[in-house]
Amino acid sequence: MHDTTWFEIQGIPSVFIASVEFVDAAEQQSKALGLPDVRRVFVEHPVQGQSDAEMHAKADAIFEEVIETLMRPAD
Protein backbone atom coordinates (compact mmCIF):
# COMPACT_ATOMS: atom_id res chain seq x y z
CA MET A 1 0.00 0.00 0.00
CA HIS A 2 2.86 2.39 0.76
CA ASP A 3 4.33 1.97 -2.72
CA THR A 4 0.97 2.40 -4.43
CA THR A 5 0.28 5.54 -2.41
CA TRP A 6 3.74 6.93 -3.19
CA PHE A 7 3.30 6.33 -6.93
CA GLU A 8 -0.15 7.93 -6.90
CA ILE A 9 1.16 11.00 -5.08
CA GLN A 10 3.88 11.24 -7.76
CA GLY A 11 1.16 11.20 -10.43
CA ILE A 12 1.95 7.64 -11.58
CA PRO A 13 -1.26 5.59 -11.89
CA SER A 14 -1.06 2.51 -9.70
CA VAL A 15 -3.18 -0.40 -8.49
CA PHE A 16 -2.66 -2.09 -5.13
CA ILE A 17 -3.00 -5.88 -5.38
CA ALA A 18 -3.40 -8.12 -2.34
CA SER A 19 -5.14 -11.26 -1.14
CA VAL A 20 -8.81 -11.00 -0.18
CA GLU A 21 -7.72 -11.68 3.39
CA PHE A 22 -6.41 -8.11 3.52
CA VAL A 23 -9.45 -6.12 2.34
CA ASP A 24 -10.10 -4.53 5.76
CA ALA A 25 -6.41 -3.87 6.41
CA ALA A 26 -6.03 -2.25 2.98
CA GLU A 27 -8.99 0.04 3.61
CA GLN A 28 -7.63 1.11 6.99
CA GLN A 29 -4.10 1.62 5.72
CA SER A 30 -5.16 3.61 2.67
CA LYS A 31 -7.15 5.93 4.95
CA ALA A 32 -4.15 6.30 7.28
CA LEU A 33 -1.93 7.14 4.29
CA GLY A 34 -4.33 9.84 3.08
CA LEU A 35 -5.68 8.09 -0.03
CA PRO A 36 -8.79 6.25 1.18
CA ASP A 37 -9.96 5.49 -2.36
CA VAL A 38 -6.66 4.29 -3.79
CA ARG A 39 -7.26 1.84 -6.63
CA ARG A 40 -7.03 -1.76 -5.46
CA VAL A 41 -7.78 -5.28 -6.67
CA PHE A 42 -7.88 -8.41 -4.54
CA VAL A 43 -6.83 -11.91 -5.56
CA GLU A 44 -8.12 -15.12 -4.04
CA HIS A 45 -6.36 -16.35 -0.91
CA PRO A 46 -3.90 -17.94 -0.31
CA VAL A 47 -0.91 -16.54 -2.16
CA GLN A 48 1.94 -17.82 -0.03
CA GLY A 49 3.03 -21.35 -0.84
CA GLN A 50 1.35 -21.44 -4.25
CA SER A 51 3.04 -23.01 -7.24
CA ASP A 52 3.98 -20.95 -10.28
CA ALA A 53 1.01 -22.44 -12.15
CA GLU A 54 -1.38 -21.52 -9.31
CA MET A 55 -0.02 -17.97 -9.19
CA HIS A 56 -0.34 -17.63 -12.97
CA ALA A 57 -3.97 -18.74 -12.70
CA LYS A 58 -4.63 -16.17 -9.96
CA ALA A 59 -2.99 -13.44 -12.04
CA ASP A 60 -4.94 -14.45 -15.14
CA ALA A 61 -8.17 -14.31 -13.13
CA ILE A 62 -7.68 -10.65 -12.18
CA PHE A 63 -5.75 -9.35 -15.20
CA GLU A 64 -8.70 -7.59 -16.89
CA GLU A 65 -9.86 -6.13 -13.57
CA VAL A 66 -6.38 -4.72 -12.92
CA ILE A 67 -6.30 -3.07 -16.35
CA GLU A 68 -9.81 -1.68 -15.96
CA THR A 69 -9.02 -0.40 -12.47
CA LEU A 70 -5.80 1.20 -13.68
CA MET A 71 -7.66 3.00 -16.46
CA ARG A 72 -10.22 4.47 -14.04
CA PRO A 73 -9.45 7.95 -12.79
CA ALA A 74 -8.14 7.97 -9.23
CA ASP A 75 -10.60 9.32 -6.68
C-alpha atoms as a PDB file:
ATOM      1  CA  MET A   1       0.000   0.000   0.000  1.00  0.00           C
ATOM      2  CA  HIS A   2       2.863   2.391   0.762  1.00  0.00           C
ATOM      3  CA  ASP A   3       4.333   1.970  -2.723  1.00  0.00           C
ATOM      4  CA  THR A   4       0.967   2.401  -4.429  1.00  0.00           C
ATOM      5  CA  THR A   5       0.285   5.541  -2.414  1.00  0.00           C
ATOM      6  CA  TRP A   6       3.743   6.933  -3.195  1.00  0.00           C
ATOM      7  CA  PHE A   7       3.304   6.334  -6.931  1.00  0.00           C
ATOM      8  CA  GLU A   8      -0.149   7.929  -6.904  1.00  0.00           C
ATOM      9  CA  ILE A   9       1.164  11.005  -5.077  1.00  0.00           C
ATOM     10  CA  GLN A  10       3.875  11.238  -7.759  1.00  0.00           C
ATOM     11  CA  GLY A  11       1.163  11.195 -10.428  1.00  0.00           C
ATOM     12  CA  ILE A  12       1.946   7.645 -11.580  1.00  0.00           C
ATOM     13  CA  PRO A  13      -1.264   5.592 -11.890  1.00  0.00           C
ATOM     14  CA  SER A  14      -1.064   2.506  -9.701  1.00  0.00           C
ATOM     15  CA  VAL A  15      -3.176  -0.396  -8.487  1.00  0.00           C
ATOM     16  CA  PHE A  16      -2.658  -2.090  -5.134  1.00  0.00           C
ATOM     17  CA  ILE A  17      -3.005  -5.885  -5.382  1.00  0.00           C
ATOM     18  CA  ALA A  18      -3.396  -8.121  -2.344  1.00  0.00           C
ATOM     19  CA  SER A  19      -5.141 -11.258  -1.137  1.00  0.00           C
ATOM     20  CA  VAL A  20      -8.814 -11.004  -0.181  1.00  0.00           C
ATOM     21  CA  GLU A  21      -7.724 -11.684   3.391  1.00  0.00           C
ATOM     22  CA  PHE A  22      -6.410  -8.110   3.517  1.00  0.00           C
ATOM     23  CA  VAL A  23      -9.452  -6.123   2.345  1.00  0.00           C
ATOM     24  CA  ASP A  24     -10.098  -4.532   5.758  1.00  0.00           C
ATOM     25  CA  ALA A  25      -6.407  -3.875   6.407  1.00  0.00           C
ATOM     26  CA  ALA A  26      -6.031  -2.255   2.981  1.00  0.00           C
ATOM     27  CA  GLU A  27      -8.995   0.043   3.610  1.00  0.00           C
ATOM     28  CA  GLN A  28      -7.630   1.114   6.986  1.00  0.00           C
ATOM     29  CA  GLN A  29      -4.098   1.617   5.722  1.00  0.00           C
ATOM     30  CA  SER A  30      -5.158   3.608   2.668  1.00  0.00           C
ATOM     31  CA  LYS A  31      -7.147   5.926   4.954  1.00  0.00           C
ATOM     32  CA  ALA A  32      -4.152   6.295   7.279  1.00  0.00           C
ATOM     33  CA  LEU A  33      -1.930   7.144   4.290  1.00  0.00           C
ATOM     34  CA  GLY A  34      -4.325   9.839   3.083  1.00  0.00           C
ATOM     35  CA  LEU A  35      -5.683   8.091  -0.029  1.00  0.00           C
ATOM     36  CA  PRO A  36      -8.785   6.249   1.183  1.00  0.00           C
ATOM     37  CA  ASP A  37      -9.962   5.488  -2.358  1.00  0.00           C
ATOM     38  CA  VAL A  38      -6.658   4.291  -3.792  1.00  0.00           C
ATOM     39  CA  ARG A  39      -7.260   1.840  -6.630  1.00  0.00           C
ATOM     40  CA  ARG A  40      -7.035  -1.765  -5.464  1.00  0.00           C
ATOM     41  CA  VAL A  41      -7.776  -5.278  -6.666  1.00  0.00           C
ATOM     42  CA  PHE A  42      -7.877  -8.406  -4.544  1.00  0.00           C
ATOM     43  CA  VAL A  43      -6.826 -11.905  -5.561  1.00  0.00           C
ATOM     44  CA  GLU A  44      -8.124 -15.121  -4.037  1.00  0.00           C
ATOM     45  CA  HIS A  45      -6.365 -16.348  -0.911  1.00  0.00           C
ATOM     46  CA  PRO A  46      -3.903 -17.941  -0.305  1.00  0.00           C
ATOM     47  CA  VAL A  47      -0.909 -16.543  -2.157  1.00  0.00           C
ATOM     48  CA  GLN A  48       1.944 -17.825  -0.032  1.00  0.00           C
ATOM     49  CA  GLY A  49       3.033 -21.349  -0.840  1.00  0.00           C
ATOM     50  CA  GLN A  50       1.346 -21.436  -4.245  1.00  0.00           C
ATOM     51  CA  SER A  51       3.041 -23.011  -7.241  1.00  0.00           C
ATOM     52  CA  ASP A  52       3.975 -20.953 -10.278  1.00  0.00           C
ATOM     53  CA  ALA A  53       1.011 -22.444 -12.146  1.00  0.00           C
ATOM     54  CA  GLU A  54      -1.378 -21.521  -9.313  1.00  0.00           C
ATOM     55  CA  MET A  55      -0.021 -17.967  -9.192  1.00  0.00           C
ATOM     56  CA  HIS A  56      -0.335 -17.634 -12.974  1.00  0.00           C
ATOM     57  CA  ALA A  57      -3.968 -18.744 -12.701  1.00  0.00           C
ATOM     58  CA  LYS A  58      -4.627 -16.173  -9.964  1.00  0.00           C
ATOM     59  CA  ALA A  59      -2.986 -13.438 -12.039  1.00  0.00           C
ATOM     60  CA  ASP A  60      -4.944 -14.449 -15.144  1.00  0.00           C
ATOM     61  CA  ALA A  61      -8.174 -14.312 -13.129  1.00  0.00           C
ATOM     62  CA  ILE A  62      -7.676 -10.647 -12.182  1.00  0.00           C
ATOM     63  CA  PHE A  63      -5.745  -9.346 -15.195  1.00  0.00           C
ATOM     64  CA  GLU A  64      -8.698  -7.595 -16.887  1.00  0.00           C
ATOM     65  CA  GLU A  65      -9.857  -6.130 -13.565  1.00  0.00           C
ATOM     66  CA  VAL A  66      -6.380  -4.717 -12.917  1.00  0.00           C
ATOM     67  CA  ILE A  67      -6.296  -3.072 -16.355  1.00  0.00           C
ATOM     68  CA  GLU A  68      -9.815  -1.680 -15.961  1.00  0.00           C
ATOM     69  CA  THR A  69      -9.018  -0.404 -12.471  1.00  0.00           C
ATOM     70  CA  LEU A  70      -5.803   1.199 -13.684  1.00  0.00           C
ATOM     71  CA  MET A  71      -7.663   3.003 -16.463  1.00  0.00           C
ATOM     72  CA  ARG A  72     -10.223   4.467 -14.044  1.00  0.00           C
ATOM     73  CA  PRO A  73      -9.455   7.947 -12.794  1.00  0.00           C
ATOM     74  CA  ALA A  74      -8.142   7.974  -9.235  1.00  0.00           C
ATOM     75  CA  ASP A  75     -10.603   9.323  -6.682  1.00  0.00           C
END
